[in-house]
Amino acid sequence: MKRKSVKLYTPENMLESFYDAIRTNKLKELHIPHSSVFYIRAAIEADTGVRYTLKHVETAMKAEGMLNDV
C-alpha cells in the first residue's frame, strides 16, 4: 500500500522554512510551490499593488487548471 506524504505549507519566508526543515529533519514534509506561483504573484503585485499569499495564488492557479496537483 502506497503511503501518502503529508505536505506542510510553507509560510512566506521560504528560506527560513527550508533551513528549519533541514534542522528538524522534516525536509520531506516541506511544500515549496512551483516557480510559476512566485512569478504570477509578482506580476499580480506589480499590476494591482496587492500582495497575495503564496497559498492563495497557488490555490487560484490550481482552480484555473494552470497547475497540476504534484
Protein backbone atom coordinates (compact mmCIF):
# COMPACT_ATOMS: atom_id res chain seq x y z
CA MET A 1 0.00 0.00 0.00
CA LYS A 2 1.44 3.35 -1.02
CA ARG A 3 1.80 5.89 1.78
CA LYS A 4 0.65 9.42 1.00
CA SER A 5 3.07 12.10 2.15
CA VAL A 6 1.89 14.97 4.28
CA LYS A 7 2.71 18.36 2.84
CA LEU A 8 3.06 21.20 5.29
CA TYR A 9 2.54 24.50 3.55
CA THR A 10 5.45 26.83 3.91
CA PRO A 11 4.97 30.36 5.17
CA GLU A 12 6.09 33.38 3.18
CA ASN A 13 9.67 33.18 4.43
CA MET A 14 10.77 30.25 2.27
CA LEU A 15 14.47 30.27 3.14
CA GLU A 16 13.80 30.23 6.88
CA SER A 17 11.31 27.39 6.42
CA PHE A 18 13.79 25.44 4.33
CA TYR A 19 16.57 25.70 6.89
CA ASP A 20 14.16 24.88 9.70
CA ALA A 21 13.04 21.74 7.84
CA ILE A 22 16.68 20.69 7.42
CA ARG A 23 17.41 21.37 11.08
CA THR A 24 14.40 19.34 12.27
CA ASN A 25 14.88 16.61 9.64
CA LYS A 26 11.45 17.26 8.09
CA LEU A 27 12.52 18.17 4.57
CA LYS A 28 10.18 15.56 3.03
CA GLU A 29 7.20 17.30 4.65
CA LEU A 30 8.06 20.75 3.28
CA HIS A 31 5.92 22.04 0.43
CA ILE A 32 7.57 24.52 -1.91
CA PRO A 33 5.26 25.90 -4.60
CA HIS A 34 6.16 25.70 -8.29
CA SER A 35 8.27 28.60 -9.52
CA SER A 36 5.40 29.88 -11.68
CA VAL A 37 3.45 30.67 -8.48
CA PHE A 38 6.17 33.13 -7.47
CA TYR A 39 6.18 34.76 -10.93
CA ILE A 40 2.39 35.07 -11.08
CA ARG A 41 2.27 36.56 -7.59
CA ALA A 42 4.93 39.13 -8.55
CA ALA A 43 3.01 40.02 -11.72
CA ILE A 44 -0.24 40.47 -9.78
CA GLU A 45 1.52 42.65 -7.23
CA ALA A 46 3.12 44.77 -9.97
CA ASP A 47 -0.24 45.27 -11.70
CA THR A 48 -2.51 45.79 -8.70
CA GLY A 49 -0.25 46.62 -5.77
CA VAL A 50 -1.85 43.79 -3.78
CA ARG A 51 0.45 41.08 -2.39
CA TYR A 52 -1.40 37.78 -2.03
CA THR A 53 -0.05 34.83 -0.09
CA LEU A 54 1.66 32.03 -1.96
CA LYS A 55 -1.04 29.64 -0.85
CA HIS A 56 -3.77 31.94 -2.19
CA VAL A 57 -2.09 32.25 -5.59
CA GLU A 58 -1.32 28.54 -5.82
CA THR A 59 -4.91 27.60 -4.93
CA ALA A 60 -6.26 30.01 -7.56
CA MET A 61 -3.87 28.67 -10.20
CA LYS A 62 -4.94 25.07 -9.45
CA ALA A 63 -8.61 26.08 -9.67
CA GLU A 64 -7.96 27.63 -13.09
CA GLY A 65 -6.15 24.50 -14.30
CA MET A 66 -2.79 26.26 -14.53
CA LEU A 67 -1.08 23.78 -12.17
CA ASN A 68 -1.33 20.04 -11.94
CA ASP A 69 -1.55 18.62 -8.45
CA VAL A 70 2.01 17.37 -7.98
